[in-house]
Amino acid sequence: MFRRSIVRAAVVCLTAVAAAVPFVAAQAQGFPAKPVKLVIAFPAGGPTDITMRQLADNASKILGQPVIVDNKPGAGGTLPAQSLQTSAPDGYTVAQIPLGVFRLGYTTKLNWDPIKDISYVINVTGYAFGLVVPADSPFKTWADFVAYAKANPGKLTYGSTGNLTSPHLTMETLAQRAGIQLQHVPYKGSADLMLATVSGQLMAAADSTGFAPQVEA
C-alpha cells in the first residue's frame, strides 16, 4: 500500500517507562497488592502501543498483578508525563515517556520538571524514522519530493505523530536544509496518521515503524 520509505532519518527516539517521584512502592513489602496502571502516550494499535502492551503483559506475569494499559494520546506524546504529576507516588501508576517530554518546557510554561519530578525506571526502546508516500504517489525519490515542494511552496502535505515530535522536527530540519516549505499536519498517533495517508488525505507521512505493515503489504 505504501512505497518503501524514500527518506530514512538518522534519528532515534528513546522511550522510557517512569513513575511519579518518589518511587518507593517497589521497595515496600508486598508490592504490588493491586493492579498497576501503565499510561501510554499514543493510540491503541500503533507501534508504541504494541510494544508497551507486550511489556505490560510480561510484567503482569512477573508481578502477579494485572498491568492495565491506559492510552492518553495527543499533545505530542506528553500527556502521560503530565498525568504523573497528579498521581500518587506509590508505584501503582507508571507512564511511557517519549523524548517530546523534554522539549515541553521550551514551548509551555510548566510547574514541574521532567528531570526532577519523574523517576525513570527503565529505557524500553528506540525507533528509526522514515518518510513514506502512497504506492501511487508520483514521488519516486527524495529528489522528486524536493522538486515538487520547490515548485509548489507550502502545498506538499505531510503528517507526523504530533507537533514537536521527533518525526516532525526531523522533517522541518530536512525542509530547511533543502530550502523547501512543507505543510505539516499533526496526528495523535501512527494509526490515524497511516489511515490519513492511505486514504489520500496526506501526500506523505513521517513516522517510525508504524508504516511497516503498509510498506510490506
Foldseek 3Di string as FASTA:
>chain_A
DWAPFQFWDPDKKWKFKWAFPPQCQVVDPPPPPAEAEEEEAFDPPFPRNVQVVVVQVVVCVVRVYHYHYHYDFDPQSQVLVVVRVVDDSNRRYMYMDIPLNQCCVVPDPDPDDSVPGIGTDGTRGMFIKGKIFHPPAPDPHVVSVLVVQVVPAAPAEEEELAPPHPQVVSVVVVCVVSVGHYHYDHHRGLVVRVVCRNVPVHGMYMYTCRCVVVNVD
